[in-house]
Structure formats: structure tokens, C-alpha cells
């Protein structure tokens, strides 16, 4: 079962989770290694302790603003790590007190609304990338300028032909994989095939010349020696500032709510109708966040995007969440990822 279902699903989740870990750390103002460490802890420690067969944990976009705000407020990443430990301890306490049952009071409309909102945001973020638009103003001024007289030519200068080709081929492959004649290869997740296709063509276009060249703005840079400057918490400052405890409680509460919502959503997607023990999940998440604080990572939650990708790729057990971590050390020396 692992080789047929969980291995391929784990590889698909890895390809989704790696850029997310890096991007969330960057958006939070934390070191890049903090996002990767958080993803590793979510994929190993949380997955082992949790009884959720399909959920995947790691740094969450929902906490990005909060993490960035507290990093500025506390002014020291080593002090911020103490808040992550406090948040984890708070989650463990909630789990031990059996307070995870509050998930039963979430109406289904909230779950569907959350999933729909995440889907809309993902689509909106992917459209400029699909076009190869190399400026951050696509939804503010770039798209409006497209319909302004005399600006169509200028807009087209920021479109990448190589990105458009990769986008069209990926969408075409997705449609073909859903046809009846593709049943013989449906044991391979279509997202995995699409990502492999994208990597193949992007490698070609990166080295191409002329109008098919992929520019550096279409690539993500990963600096070498990413784990060379890991920072650890300053435990002697734990009781020096009440803000540390307040921030930890707030992070723990929001991480708990996001986790419970995500677990509820993933359980609804599970084709085998398995139900995750929510109190056990809170304990697993709390231990994971304590570990994050101890080794210099940002806080984690169960993440619905990774869990949904896991389900869509055909995962059956929690080994699909553990498997991606084994790929991480193979890609860290890479300087650029499409």
C-alpha cells in the first residue's frame, strides 16, 4: 500500500509543501530554514503522534500576519521562539482537558466557506504566475492597464511565452488524465505528472534563448547553506516579559482553531469516512509546536491545502505525510526552484 498509494502521494505533497514552507517563512519575516524545519516537524513528529490518516501539518499562511507582527513587537527572533513553545504547551493543555470537542460545533457552512475562500485565493495567486507576469501589481493596476488604450503592448512585455506554454501543457495533461483512456496510468497522481512536466519544460526553457527564455523573476532563489545560522530560544528571558505569554496564548488559540477546521475539512474529504480524534490531534500539534520553538522553527498547524493535495493524490495512511520529509535533504542544495 505504501509504494502504490502513499509513496506517490507523499511525493506530490512534498512538491506542494516545499515552496509553501519557504514562502510562508519569507512572508512572516522569519529565516527560510524556520519554514523548512516546521514542515519537517509537522511531517514527522506530528504525523507520528496524530491519529489523522490524511492531514499534513506545517507552517500555515493563516498565521503569517500574526507571526510577522509578533516578530516586530518582540524585536528578537530568539524571544519569539519562546512564544511558540508557550503556544505548543497551551495546545497540549487543551488536548488533555478534552477541549477539542469544540470542533463538533463548527457548522458545515464554515468549513465549506473556508475551503472556497482558500480555493479562490489560490486561483487568484496562480493566474499571474500562469501568464508569467513578472510584477506584483497584476490585480491592482496591471490587469486594469490591459484594458486601457495603448497599454496592451506594454502589458504583453511582462508576459512570459515559456510560462504560457507550461501552463497550457499542464492544463491539457490534467484534462487528459481525467479521460477514460488514461485509467491505465491513474495509479500515478495527475498532480505529480503535471509537476514533473513543469520541471522538465522549465529546465529546458531556463537554458533556452530568445522568446522562450524563462527569466529569473519566474524562479525562486534558495540560498546555499540554509541551515548554517539556526537560532535557538533564550530561556532566561521566558519570564522577563508578559507579552511572551500573551503572544503564545494567542498563537496557540488561532493555531488550534485553524487545525480543528482543517481536520474537519480533511475528514470530510476522506473517501473511507475515517474520523480523527481531535483531542489527540491537539496534543500532537502542541508537541510539534514545542519542538518548533526548541529548534528555531515557526509555528505549525494542520494545513488544508496539503491535506487536500494528499487526498487528491490517493493517499491511504499517515505514511504519505511522513514520506515527503525524506526528500527534503535532496533538494536543499538546489539554488533555484520553478
C-alpha atoms as a PDB file:
ATOM      1  CA  UNK A   1       0.000   0.000   0.000  1.00  0.00           C
ATOM      2  CA  UNK A   2       2.812   2.420   0.829  1.00  0.00           C
ATOM      3  CA  UNK A   3       4.570   2.050  -2.516  1.00  0.00           C
ATOM      4  CA  UNK A   4       1.397   2.093  -4.571  1.00  0.00           C
ATOM      5  CA  UNK A   5      -0.516   4.866  -2.819  1.00  0.00           C
ATOM      6  CA  UNK A   6       1.366   6.710  -0.060  1.00  0.00           C
ATOM      7  CA  UNK A   7       4.741   6.993  -1.772  1.00  0.00           C
ATOM      8  CA  UNK A   8       3.367   8.781  -4.842  1.00  0.00           C
ATOM      9  CA  UNK A   9       1.036  10.896  -2.707  1.00  0.00           C
ATOM     10  CA  UNK A  10       3.920  11.812  -0.410  1.00  0.00           C
ATOM     11  CA  UNK A  11       5.989  12.969  -3.374  1.00  0.00           C
ATOM     12  CA  UNK A  12       3.084  15.105  -4.586  1.00  0.00           C
ATOM     13  CA  UNK A  13       2.653  16.637  -1.129  1.00  0.00           C
ATOM     14  CA  UNK A  14       6.380  17.315  -0.947  1.00  0.00           C
ATOM     15  CA  UNK A  15       6.280  19.267  -4.200  1.00  0.00           C
ATOM     16  CA  UNK A  16       3.416  21.339  -2.768  1.00  0.00           C
ATOM     17  CA  UNK A  17       4.823  21.739   0.742  1.00  0.00           C
ATOM     18  CA  UNK A  18       8.423  22.749  -0.014  1.00  0.00           C
ATOM     19  CA  UNK A  19       7.665  26.084  -1.728  1.00  0.00           C
ATOM     20  CA  UNK A  20       4.916  26.744   0.833  1.00  0.00           C
ATOM     21  CA  UNK A  21       7.347  26.283   3.734  1.00  0.00           C
ATOM     22  CA  UNK A  22       9.837  28.665   2.151  1.00  0.00           C
ATOM     23  CA  UNK A  23       7.204  31.197   1.089  1.00  0.00           C
ATOM     24  CA  UNK A  24       5.450  31.343   4.461  1.00  0.00           C
ATOM     25  CA  UNK A  25       8.748  31.807   6.294  1.00  0.00           C
ATOM     26  CA  UNK A  26       9.693  34.593   3.899  1.00  0.00           C
ATOM     27  CA  UNK A  27       6.300  36.297   4.225  1.00  0.00           C
ATOM     28  CA  UNK A  28       6.492  36.062   8.032  1.00  0.00           C
ATOM     29  CA  UNK A  29       9.884  37.758   8.157  1.00  0.00           C
ATOM     30  CA  UNK A  30      11.459  34.622   9.644  1.00  0.00           C
ATOM     31  CA  UNK A  31      14.602  32.840   8.386  1.00  0.00           C
ATOM     32  CA  UNK A  32      13.968  30.462   5.474  1.00  0.00           C
ATOM     33  CA  UNK A  33      15.212  27.474   7.451  1.00  0.00           C
ATOM     34  CA  UNK A  34      12.446  28.101  10.014  1.00  0.00           C
ATOM     35  CA  UNK A  35       9.781  27.177   7.466  1.00  0.00           C
ATOM     36  CA  UNK A  36      11.592  24.024   6.374  1.00  0.00           C
ATOM     37  CA  UNK A  37      12.134  22.882   9.964  1.00  0.00           C
ATOM     38  CA  UNK A  38       8.477  23.492  10.730  1.00  0.00           C
ATOM     39  CA  UNK A  39       7.493  21.354   7.737  1.00  0.00           C
ATOM     40  CA  UNK A  40       9.823  18.559   8.838  1.00  0.00           C
ATOM     41  CA  UNK A  41       8.431  18.554  12.365  1.00  0.00           C
ATOM     42  CA  UNK A  42       4.887  18.533  11.008  1.00  0.00           C
ATOM     43  CA  UNK A  43       5.726  15.641   8.712  1.00  0.00           C
ATOM     44  CA  UNK A  44       7.458  13.503  11.335  1.00  0.00           C
ATOM     45  CA  UNK A  45       6.617  14.347  14.954  1.00  0.00           C
ATOM     46  CA  UNK A  46       3.020  15.494  14.445  1.00  0.00           C
ATOM     47  CA  UNK A  47       2.244  12.766  11.912  1.00  0.00           C
ATOM     48  CA  UNK A  48       3.590  10.027  14.202  1.00  0.00           C
ATOM     49  CA  UNK A  49       1.658  11.204  17.276  1.00  0.00           C
ATOM     50  CA  UNK A  50      -1.535  12.176  15.457  1.00  0.00           C
ATOM     51  CA  UNK A  51      -4.166   9.632  14.508  1.00  0.00           C
ATOM     52  CA  UNK A  52      -5.238  11.539  11.424  1.00  0.00           C
ATOM     53  CA  UNK A  53      -4.579   9.324   8.387  1.00  0.00           C
ATOM     54  CA  UNK A  54      -4.529  12.125   5.805  1.00  0.00           C
ATOM     55  CA  UNK A  55      -3.853  15.509   7.419  1.00  0.00           C
ATOM     56  CA  UNK A  56      -0.480  17.137   6.748  1.00  0.00           C
ATOM     57  CA  UNK A  57       0.947  19.740   9.136  1.00  0.00           C
ATOM     58  CA  UNK A  58       3.421  22.539   8.634  1.00  0.00           C
ATOM     59  CA  UNK A  59       3.729  26.332   8.629  1.00  0.00           C
ATOM     60  CA  UNK A  60       0.372  27.889   7.794  1.00  0.00           C
ATOM     61  CA  UNK A  61      -0.434  31.003   5.792  1.00  0.00           C
ATOM     62  CA  UNK A  62      -3.170  31.793   8.326  1.00  0.00           C
ATOM     63  CA  UNK A  63      -0.553  32.583  10.974  1.00  0.00           C
ATOM     64  CA  UNK A  64       1.726  34.622   8.706  1.00  0.00           C
ATOM     65  CA  UNK A  65       0.410  38.045   9.711  1.00  0.00           C
ATOM     66  CA  UNK A  66       0.418  37.155  13.400  1.00  0.00           C
ATOM     67  CA  UNK A  67       3.972  35.811  13.287  1.00  0.00           C
ATOM     68  CA  UNK A  68       5.212  38.879  11.421  1.00  0.00           C
ATOM     69  CA  UNK A  69       3.501  41.210  13.906  1.00  0.00           C
ATOM     70  CA  UNK A  70       4.979  39.498  16.965  1.00  0.00           C
ATOM     71  CA  UNK A  71       8.423  39.377  15.414  1.00  0.00           C
ATOM     72  CA  UNK A  72       8.250  43.156  15.097  1.00  0.00           C
ATOM     73  CA  UNK A  73       6.739  43.615  18.572  1.00  0.00           C
ATOM     74  CA  UNK A  74       9.212  41.406  20.406  1.00  0.00           C
ATOM     75  CA  UNK A  75      12.119  42.571  18.256  1.00  0.00           C
ATOM     76  CA  UNK A  76      14.091  39.358  18.687  1.00  0.00           C
ATOM     77  CA  UNK A  77      13.639  36.018  16.955  1.00  0.00           C
ATOM     78  CA  UNK A  78      15.086  34.146  19.931  1.00  0.00           C
ATOM     79  CA  UNK A  79      12.402  35.657  22.170  1.00  0.00           C
ATOM     80  CA  UNK A  80       9.716  34.903  19.591  1.00  0.00           C
ATOM     81  CA  UNK A  81      10.652  31.222  19.762  1.00  0.00           C
ATOM     82  CA  UNK A  82       9.594  31.265  23.410  1.00  0.00           C
ATOM     83  CA  UNK A  83       6.079  32.251  22.323  1.00  0.00           C
ATOM     84  CA  UNK A  84       5.988  29.227  20.012  1.00  0.00           C
ATOM     85  CA  UNK A  85       6.859  26.957  22.952  1.00  0.00           C
ATOM     86  CA  UNK A  86       4.147  28.587  25.075  1.00  0.00           C
ATOM     87  CA  UNK A  87       1.651  28.131  22.219  1.00  0.00           C
ATOM     88  CA  UNK A  88       2.529  24.445  21.991  1.00  0.00           C
ATOM     89  CA  UNK A  89       2.163  23.930  25.723  1.00  0.00           C
ATOM     90  CA  UNK A  90      -1.244  25.662  25.587  1.00  0.00           C
ATOM     91  CA  UNK A  91      -2.386  23.293  22.831  1.00  0.00           C
ATOM     92  CA  UNK A  92      -1.238  20.241  24.801  1.00  0.00           C
ATOM     93  CA  UNK A  93      -3.218  21.537  27.781  1.00  0.00           C
ATOM     94  CA  UNK A  94      -6.335  21.969  25.623  1.00  0.00           C
ATOM     95  CA  UNK A  95      -5.971  18.421  24.386  1.00  0.00           C
ATOM     96  CA  UNK A  96      -5.509  16.979  27.865  1.00  0.00           C
ATOM     97  CA  UNK A  97      -8.610  18.870  29.043  1.00  0.00           C
ATOM     98  CA  UNK A  98     -10.610  17.319  26.154  1.00  0.00           C
ATOM     99  CA  UNK A  99     -11.487  20.718  24.743  1.00  0.00           C
ATOM    100  CA  UNK A 100     -11.051  19.610  21.152  1.00  0.00           C
ATOM    101  CA  UNK A 101     -14.755  18.797  21.147  1.00  0.00           C
ATOM    102  CA  UNK A 102     -15.481  22.403  20.184  1.00  0.00           C
ATOM    103  CA  UNK A 103     -14.863  21.226  16.618  1.00  0.00           C
ATOM    104  CA  UNK A 104     -18.243  19.496  16.763  1.00  0.00           C
ATOM    105  CA  UNK A 105     -19.919  22.899  16.971  1.00  0.00           C
ATOM    106  CA  UNK A 106     -18.462  24.223  13.717  1.00  0.00           C
ATOM    107  CA  UNK A 107     -21.296  24.361  11.153  1.00  0.00           C
ATOM    108  CA  UNK A 108     -20.604  22.752   7.784  1.00  0.00           C
ATOM    109  CA  UNK A 109     -21.102  26.124   6.101  1.00  0.00           C
ATOM    110  CA  UNK A 110     -17.985  27.414   7.882  1.00  0.00           C
ATOM    111  CA  UNK A 111     -15.931  24.504   6.541  1.00  0.00           C
ATOM    112  CA  UNK A 112     -17.242  24.953   3.010  1.00  0.00           C
ATOM    113  CA  UNK A 113     -16.689  28.707   3.194  1.00  0.00           C
ATOM    114  CA  UNK A 114     -13.115  28.245   4.376  1.00  0.00           C
ATOM    115  CA  UNK A 115     -12.351  25.768   1.575  1.00  0.00           C
ATOM    116  CA  UNK A 116     -13.969  28.025  -1.023  1.00  0.00           C
ATOM    117  CA  UNK A 117     -12.031  31.072   0.197  1.00  0.00           C
ATOM    118  CA  UNK A 118      -8.736  29.201   0.118  1.00  0.00           C
ATOM    119  CA  UNK A 119      -9.526  27.939  -3.384  1.00  0.00           C
ATOM    120  CA  UNK A 120     -10.332  31.431  -4.654  1.00  0.00           C
ATOM    121  CA  UNK A 121      -7.120  32.857  -3.190  1.00  0.00           C
ATOM    122  CA  UNK A 122      -5.018  30.065  -4.692  1.00  0.00           C
ATOM    123  CA  UNK A 123      -6.554  30.563  -8.138  1.00  0.00           C
ATOM    124  CA  UNK A 124      -6.093  34.335  -7.922  1.00  0.00           C
ATOM    125  CA  UNK A 125      -2.437  33.937  -6.933  1.00  0.00           C
ATOM    126  CA  UNK A 126      -1.749  31.411  -9.686  1.00  0.00           C
ATOM    127  CA  UNK A 127      -3.173  33.399 -12.603  1.00  0.00           C
ATOM    128  CA  UNK A 128      -0.268  35.930 -12.800  1.00  0.00           C
ATOM    129  CA  UNK A 129       2.225  33.055 -12.458  1.00  0.00           C
ATOM    130  CA  UNK A 130       0.483  31.102 -15.189  1.00  0.00           C
ATOM    131  CA  UNK A 131       0.872  34.096 -17.507  1.00  0.00           C
ATOM    132  CA  UNK A 132       4.447  34.664 -16.410  1.00  0.00           C
ATOM    133  CA  UNK A 133       3.580  38.195 -15.327  1.00  0.00           C
ATOM    134  CA  UNK A 134       6.716  39.415 -13.582  1.00  0.00           C
ATOM    135  CA  UNK A 135       5.312  42.286 -11.495  1.00  0.00           C
ATOM    136  CA  UNK A 136       3.415  42.199  -8.183  1.00  0.00           C
ATOM    137  CA  UNK A 137       0.713  44.635  -9.371  1.00  0.00           C
ATOM    138  CA  UNK A 138      -1.362  42.275 -11.532  1.00  0.00           C
ATOM    139  CA  UNK A 139      -4.614  42.602  -9.557  1.00  0.00           C
ATOM    140  CA  UNK A 140      -4.152  46.281  -8.667  1.00  0.00           C
ATOM    141  CA  UNK A 141      -3.052  48.081 -11.814  1.00  0.00           C
ATOM    142  CA  UNK A 142      -1.610  45.561 -14.253  1.00  0.00           C
ATOM    143  CA  UNK A 143      -4.905  43.930 -15.265  1.00  0.00           C
ATOM    144  CA  UNK A 144      -6.661  47.308 -15.464  1.00  0.00           C
ATOM    145  CA  UNK A 145      -3.953  48.657 -17.736  1.00  0.00           C
ATOM    146  CA  UNK A 146      -4.581  45.740 -20.081  1.00  0.00           C
ATOM    147  CA  UNK A 147      -7.951  47.255 -20.990  1.00  0.00           C
ATOM    148  CA  UNK A 148      -6.623  50.790 -21.241  1.00  0.00           C
ATOM    149  CA  UNK A 149      -5.899  52.130 -24.685  1.00  0.00           C
ATOM    150  CA  UNK A 150      -2.262  51.967 -25.636  1.00  0.00           C
ATOM    151  CA  UNK A 151      -1.210  49.755 -22.716  1.00  0.00           C
ATOM    152  CA  UNK A 152      -1.771  46.289 -24.222  1.00  0.00           C
ATOM    153  CA  UNK A 153       1.675  46.274 -25.795  1.00  0.00           C
ATOM    154  CA  UNK A 154       3.305  47.315 -22.542  1.00  0.00           C
ATOM    155  CA  UNK A 155       1.369  44.608 -20.660  1.00  0.00           C
ATOM    156  CA  UNK A 156       2.483  41.938 -23.131  1.00  0.00           C
ATOM    157  CA  UNK A 157       6.113  42.804 -22.437  1.00  0.00           C
ATOM    158  CA  UNK A 158       5.674  41.377 -18.942  1.00  0.00           C
ATOM    159  CA  UNK A 159       4.172  38.087 -20.161  1.00  0.00           C
ATOM    160  CA  UNK A 160       6.427  35.040 -20.467  1.00  0.00           C
ATOM    161  CA  UNK A 161       5.876  32.821 -23.508  1.00  0.00           C
ATOM    162  CA  UNK A 162       7.609  29.945 -21.732  1.00  0.00           C
ATOM    163  CA  UNK A 163       5.268  30.238 -18.729  1.00  0.00           C
ATOM    164  CA  UNK A 164       2.242  30.254 -21.027  1.00  0.00           C
ATOM    165  CA  UNK A 165       3.419  27.095 -22.779  1.00  0.00           C
ATOM    166  CA  UNK A 166       3.994  25.298 -19.464  1.00  0.00           C
ATOM    167  CA  UNK A 167       0.568  26.419 -18.233  1.00  0.00           C
ATOM    168  CA  UNK A 168      -1.265  25.230 -21.360  1.00  0.00           C
ATOM    169  CA  UNK A 169       0.529  21.883 -21.405  1.00  0.00           C
ATOM    170  CA  UNK A 170      -0.154  21.340 -17.688  1.00  0.00           C
ATOM    171  CA  UNK A 171      -3.866  22.089 -18.055  1.00  0.00           C
ATOM    172  CA  UNK A 172      -4.043  19.834 -21.111  1.00  0.00           C
ATOM    173  CA  UNK A 173      -2.402  16.981 -19.213  1.00  0.00           C
ATOM    174  CA  UNK A 174      -4.840  17.474 -16.324  1.00  0.00           C
ATOM    175  CA  UNK A 175      -7.793  17.172 -18.718  1.00  0.00           C
ATOM    176  CA  UNK A 176      -6.317  14.104 -20.442  1.00  0.00           C
ATOM    177  CA  UNK A 177      -5.673  12.331 -17.127  1.00  0.00           C
ATOM    178  CA  UNK A 178      -9.381  12.536 -16.351  1.00  0.00           C
ATOM    179  CA  UNK A 179     -10.392  10.736 -19.545  1.00  0.00           C
ATOM    180  CA  UNK A 180     -11.353   7.062 -19.633  1.00  0.00           C
ATOM    181  CA  UNK A 181      -8.371   6.049 -21.814  1.00  0.00           C
ATOM    182  CA  UNK A 182      -5.982   7.225 -19.051  1.00  0.00           C
ATOM    183  CA  UNK A 183      -7.182   4.663 -16.496  1.00  0.00           C
ATOM    184  CA  UNK A 184      -4.111   2.505 -17.085  1.00  0.00           C
ATOM    185  CA  UNK A 185      -1.839   5.195 -15.630  1.00  0.00           C
ATOM    186  CA  UNK A 186      -4.183   6.596 -12.997  1.00  0.00           C
ATOM    187  CA  UNK A 187      -2.132   4.891 -10.279  1.00  0.00           C
ATOM    188  CA  UNK A 188       0.231   7.847 -10.782  1.00  0.00           C
ATOM    189  CA  UNK A 189      -1.326  11.042  -9.325  1.00  0.00           C
ATOM    190  CA  UNK A 190      -2.024  13.581 -12.046  1.00  0.00           C
ATOM    191  CA  UNK A 191      -0.579  16.468  -9.957  1.00  0.00           C
ATOM    192  CA  UNK A 192       2.706  14.538  -9.779  1.00  0.00           C
ATOM    193  CA  UNK A 193       2.794  14.105 -13.559  1.00  0.00           C
ATOM    194  CA  UNK A 194       1.972  17.770 -14.070  1.00  0.00           C
ATOM    195  CA  UNK A 195       4.729  18.922 -11.718  1.00  0.00           C
ATOM    196  CA  UNK A 196       7.236  16.609 -13.423  1.00  0.00           C
ATOM    197  CA  UNK A 197       6.151  18.031 -16.788  1.00  0.00           C
ATOM    198  CA  UNK A 198       6.592  21.555 -15.460  1.00  0.00           C
ATOM    199  CA  UNK A 199      10.058  20.799 -14.093  1.00  0.00           C
ATOM    200  CA  UNK A 200      11.119  19.211 -17.392  1.00  0.00           C
ATOM    201  CA  UNK A 201       9.984  22.117 -19.546  1.00  0.00           C
ATOM    202  CA  UNK A 202      11.183  24.774 -17.123  1.00  0.00           C
ATOM    203  CA  UNK A 203      14.666  23.228 -17.136  1.00  0.00           C
ATOM    204  CA  UNK A 204      14.621  23.406 -20.917  1.00  0.00           C
ATOM    205  CA  UNK A 205      13.305  26.974 -21.068  1.00  0.00           C
ATOM    206  CA  UNK A 206      15.761  28.174 -18.419  1.00  0.00           C
ATOM    207  CA  UNK A 207      18.629  27.266 -20.733  1.00  0.00           C
ATOM    208  CA  UNK A 208      16.835  28.400 -23.894  1.00  0.00           C
ATOM    209  CA  UNK A 209      17.423  31.664 -25.678  1.00  0.00           C
ATOM    210  CA  UNK A 210      15.145  34.105 -27.406  1.00  0.00           C
ATOM    211  CA  UNK A 211      11.438  34.493 -26.746  1.00  0.00           C
ATOM    212  CA  UNK A 212      11.174  31.132 -24.895  1.00  0.00           C
ATOM    213  CA  UNK A 213      13.585  32.046 -22.110  1.00  0.00           C
ATOM    214  CA  UNK A 214      12.394  31.805 -18.519  1.00  0.00           C
ATOM    215  CA  UNK A 215      13.525  34.888 -16.637  1.00  0.00           C
ATOM    216  CA  UNK A 216      14.894  34.919 -13.097  1.00  0.00           C
ATOM    217  CA  UNK A 217      11.675  36.592 -11.953  1.00  0.00           C
ATOM    218  CA  UNK A 218       9.846  33.353 -12.763  1.00  0.00           C
ATOM    219  CA  UNK A 219      12.126  31.359 -10.435  1.00  0.00           C
ATOM    220  CA  UNK A 220      12.538  31.140  -6.653  1.00  0.00           C
ATOM    221  CA  UNK A 221      16.051  31.513  -5.277  1.00  0.00           C
ATOM    222  CA  UNK A 222      17.173  29.262  -2.419  1.00  0.00           C
ATOM    223  CA  UNK A 223      20.462  30.421  -0.842  1.00  0.00           C
ATOM    224  CA  UNK A 224      23.145  27.809  -0.134  1.00  0.00           C
ATOM    225  CA  UNK A 225      23.907  26.843   3.483  1.00  0.00           C
ATOM    226  CA  UNK A 226      20.338  27.468   4.555  1.00  0.00           C
ATOM    227  CA  UNK A 227      20.796  25.684   7.920  1.00  0.00           C
ATOM    228  CA  UNK A 228      24.113  27.315   8.797  1.00  0.00           C
ATOM    229  CA  UNK A 229      22.648  30.002  11.118  1.00  0.00           C
ATOM    230  CA  UNK A 230      19.979  28.243  13.156  1.00  0.00           C
ATOM    231  CA  UNK A 231      18.781  30.285  16.145  1.00  0.00           C
ATOM    232  CA  UNK A 232      17.608  28.797  19.442  1.00  0.00           C
ATOM    233  CA  UNK A 233      15.347  30.329  22.136  1.00  0.00           C
ATOM    234  CA  UNK A 234      16.685  32.330  25.078  1.00  0.00           C
ATOM    235  CA  UNK A 235      15.110  30.518  28.018  1.00  0.00           C
ATOM    236  CA  UNK A 236      16.466  33.023  30.525  1.00  0.00           C
ATOM    237  CA  UNK A 237      14.050  35.592  29.022  1.00  0.00           C
ATOM    238  CA  UNK A 238      10.934  33.411  29.448  1.00  0.00           C
ATOM    239  CA  UNK A 239       9.610  35.300  32.490  1.00  0.00           C
ATOM    240  CA  UNK A 240      11.065  38.685  31.597  1.00  0.00           C
ATOM    241  CA  UNK A 241       8.114  39.898  29.536  1.00  0.00           C
ATOM    242  CA  UNK A 242       4.414  39.138  29.979  1.00  0.00           C
ATOM    243  CA  UNK A 243       3.982  39.795  26.237  1.00  0.00           C
ATOM    244  CA  UNK A 244       5.707  36.464  25.554  1.00  0.00           C
ATOM    245  CA  UNK A 245       2.939  34.594  27.348  1.00  0.00           C
ATOM    246  CA  UNK A 246       0.133  36.673  25.815  1.00  0.00           C
ATOM    247  CA  UNK A 247       1.507  36.167  22.320  1.00  0.00           C
ATOM    248  CA  UNK A 248       1.957  32.452  22.952  1.00  0.00           C
ATOM    249  CA  UNK A 249      -1.643  32.050  24.102  1.00  0.00           C
ATOM    250  CA  UNK A 250      -2.987  33.923  21.067  1.00  0.00           C
ATOM    251  CA  UNK A 251      -0.835  31.939  18.624  1.00  0.00           C
ATOM    252  CA  UNK A 252      -1.862  28.710  20.342  1.00  0.00           C
ATOM    253  CA  UNK A 253      -5.551  29.614  20.186  1.00  0.00           C
ATOM    254  CA  UNK A 254      -5.508  30.576  16.496  1.00  0.00           C
ATOM    255  CA  UNK A 255      -3.377  27.554  15.595  1.00  0.00           C
ATOM    256  CA  UNK A 256      -5.896  25.355  17.441  1.00  0.00           C
ATOM    257  CA  UNK A 257      -8.878  26.824  15.616  1.00  0.00           C
ATOM    258  CA  UNK A 258      -7.189  26.511  12.230  1.00  0.00           C
ATOM    259  CA  UNK A 259      -6.142  22.934  12.978  1.00  0.00           C
ATOM    260  CA  UNK A 260      -9.626  21.886  14.067  1.00  0.00           C
ATOM    261  CA  UNK A 261     -11.188  23.440  10.960  1.00  0.00           C
ATOM    262  CA  UNK A 262      -8.655  21.756   8.713  1.00  0.00           C
ATOM    263  CA  UNK A 263      -9.071  18.368  10.381  1.00  0.00           C
ATOM    264  CA  UNK A 264     -12.829  18.664   9.985  1.00  0.00           C
ATOM    265  CA  UNK A 265     -12.399  19.510   6.293  1.00  0.00           C
ATOM    266  CA  UNK A 266      -9.928  16.687   5.593  1.00  0.00           C
ATOM    267  CA  UNK A 267     -12.142  14.141   7.365  1.00  0.00           C
ATOM    268  CA  UNK A 268     -14.978  15.185   5.052  1.00  0.00           C
ATOM    269  CA  UNK A 269     -12.704  14.584   2.050  1.00  0.00           C
ATOM    270  CA  UNK A 270     -11.630  11.139   3.254  1.00  0.00           C
ATOM    271  CA  UNK A 271     -13.147   8.509   0.964  1.00  0.00           C
ATOM    272  CA  UNK A 272     -13.044   5.963   3.797  1.00  0.00           C
ATOM    273  CA  UNK A 273     -15.005   8.236   6.185  1.00  0.00           C
ATOM    274  CA  UNK A 274     -12.459   7.990   8.990  1.00  0.00           C
ATOM    275  CA  UNK A 275     -12.789  10.401  11.923  1.00  0.00           C
ATOM    276  CA  UNK A 276      -9.740  11.968  13.566  1.00  0.00           C
ATOM    277  CA  UNK A 277      -9.659  12.132  17.411  1.00  0.00           C
ATOM    278  CA  UNK A 278      -9.432  15.890  17.848  1.00  0.00           C
ATOM    279  CA  UNK A 279      -8.009  15.853  21.388  1.00  0.00           C
ATOM    280  CA  UNK A 280      -5.188  13.586  20.263  1.00  0.00           C
ATOM    281  CA  UNK A 281      -4.627  15.939  17.337  1.00  0.00           C
ATOM    282  CA  UNK A 282      -4.301  18.948  19.652  1.00  0.00           C
ATOM    283  CA  UNK A 283      -1.730  17.108  21.751  1.00  0.00           C
ATOM    284  CA  UNK A 284       0.200  16.189  18.593  1.00  0.00           C
ATOM    285  CA  UNK A 285       0.076  19.766  17.330  1.00  0.00           C
ATOM    286  CA  UNK A 286       1.141  21.102  20.722  1.00  0.00           C
ATOM    287  CA  UNK A 287       4.142  18.775  20.934  1.00  0.00           C
ATOM    288  CA  UNK A 288       5.012  19.762  17.380  1.00  0.00           C
ATOM    289  CA  UNK A 289       4.948  23.475  18.219  1.00  0.00           C
ATOM    290  CA  UNK A 290       7.041  22.913  21.327  1.00  0.00           C
ATOM    291  CA  UNK A 291       9.590  21.159  19.120  1.00  0.00           C
ATOM    292  CA  UNK A 292       9.399  24.059  16.635  1.00  0.00           C
ATOM    293  CA  UNK A 293      10.215  26.566  19.365  1.00  0.00           C
ATOM    294  CA  UNK A 294      13.084  24.453  20.667  1.00  0.00           C
ATOM    295  CA  UNK A 295      14.921  24.153  17.344  1.00  0.00           C
ATOM    296  CA  UNK A 296      14.161  27.574  15.845  1.00  0.00           C
ATOM    297  CA  UNK A 297      11.113  26.947  13.618  1.00  0.00           C
ATOM    298  CA  UNK A 298       7.938  28.964  13.116  1.00  0.00           C
ATOM    299  CA  UNK A 299       4.596  27.642  14.461  1.00  0.00           C
ATOM    300  CA  UNK A 300       2.679  24.979  12.578  1.00  0.00           C
ATOM    301  CA  UNK A 301      -0.908  23.825  12.134  1.00  0.00           C
ATOM    302  CA  UNK A 302      -2.738  21.239  10.075  1.00  0.00           C
ATOM    303  CA  UNK A 303      -2.857  22.738   6.580  1.00  0.00           C
ATOM    304  CA  UNK A 304      -5.894  22.130   4.392  1.00  0.00           C
ATOM    305  CA  UNK A 305      -4.023  22.770   1.103  1.00  0.00           C
ATOM    306  CA  UNK A 306      -1.515  19.994   1.789  1.00  0.00           C
ATOM    307  CA  UNK A 307      -4.157  17.696   3.210  1.00  0.00           C
ATOM    308  CA  UNK A 308      -6.381  18.195   0.161  1.00  0.00           C
ATOM    309  CA  UNK A 309      -3.411  17.554  -2.151  1.00  0.00           C
ATOM    310  CA  UNK A 310      -2.708  14.409  -0.144  1.00  0.00           C
ATOM    311  CA  UNK A 311      -6.279  13.165  -0.565  1.00  0.00           C
ATOM    312  CA  UNK A 312      -6.357  14.063  -4.256  1.00  0.00           C
ATOM    313  CA  UNK A 313      -3.119  12.134  -4.838  1.00  0.00           C
ATOM    314  CA  UNK A 314      -4.691   8.955  -3.459  1.00  0.00           C
ATOM    315  CA  UNK A 315      -3.087   8.718  -0.012  1.00  0.00           C
ATOM    316  CA  UNK A 316      -4.296   5.985   2.312  1.00  0.00           C
ATOM    317  CA  UNK A 317      -2.297   6.314   5.570  1.00  0.00           C
ATOM    318  CA  UNK A 318      -0.200   8.803   7.529  1.00  0.00           C
ATOM    319  CA  UNK A 319       2.931   7.485   5.788  1.00  0.00           C
ATOM    320  CA  UNK A 320       2.057   9.860   2.963  1.00  0.00           C
ATOM    321  CA  UNK A 321       2.738  12.749   5.369  1.00  0.00           C
ATOM    322  CA  UNK A 322       5.974  11.246   6.687  1.00  0.00           C
ATOM    323  CA  UNK A 323       7.377  10.334   3.260  1.00  0.00           C
ATOM    324  CA  UNK A 324       7.918  13.922   1.954  1.00  0.00           C
ATOM    325  CA  UNK A 325      10.454  14.688   4.687  1.00  0.00           C
ATOM    326  CA  UNK A 326      12.848  12.129   3.234  1.00  0.00           C
ATOM    327  CA  UNK A 327      13.062  14.163   0.022  1.00  0.00           C
ATOM    328  CA  UNK A 328      13.956  17.452   1.697  1.00  0.00           C
ATOM    329  CA  UNK A 329      17.715  16.959   2.081  1.00  0.00           C
ATOM    330  CA  UNK A 330      17.920  16.061  -1.613  1.00  0.00           C
ATOM    331  CA  UNK A 331      16.619  19.452  -2.733  1.00  0.00           C
ATOM    332  CA  UNK A 332      18.076  21.867  -0.207  1.00  0.00           C
ATOM    333  CA  UNK A 333      21.368  22.332  -2.103  1.00  0.00           C
ATOM    334  CA  UNK A 334      19.311  23.376  -5.157  1.00  0.00           C
ATOM    335  CA  UNK A 335      19.695  27.066  -5.840  1.00  0.00           C
ATOM    336  CA  UNK A 336      16.543  27.574  -7.839  1.00  0.00           C
ATOM    337  CA  UNK A 337      13.097  26.017  -7.895  1.00  0.00           C
ATOM    338  CA  UNK A 338      10.459  26.808 -10.501  1.00  0.00           C
END
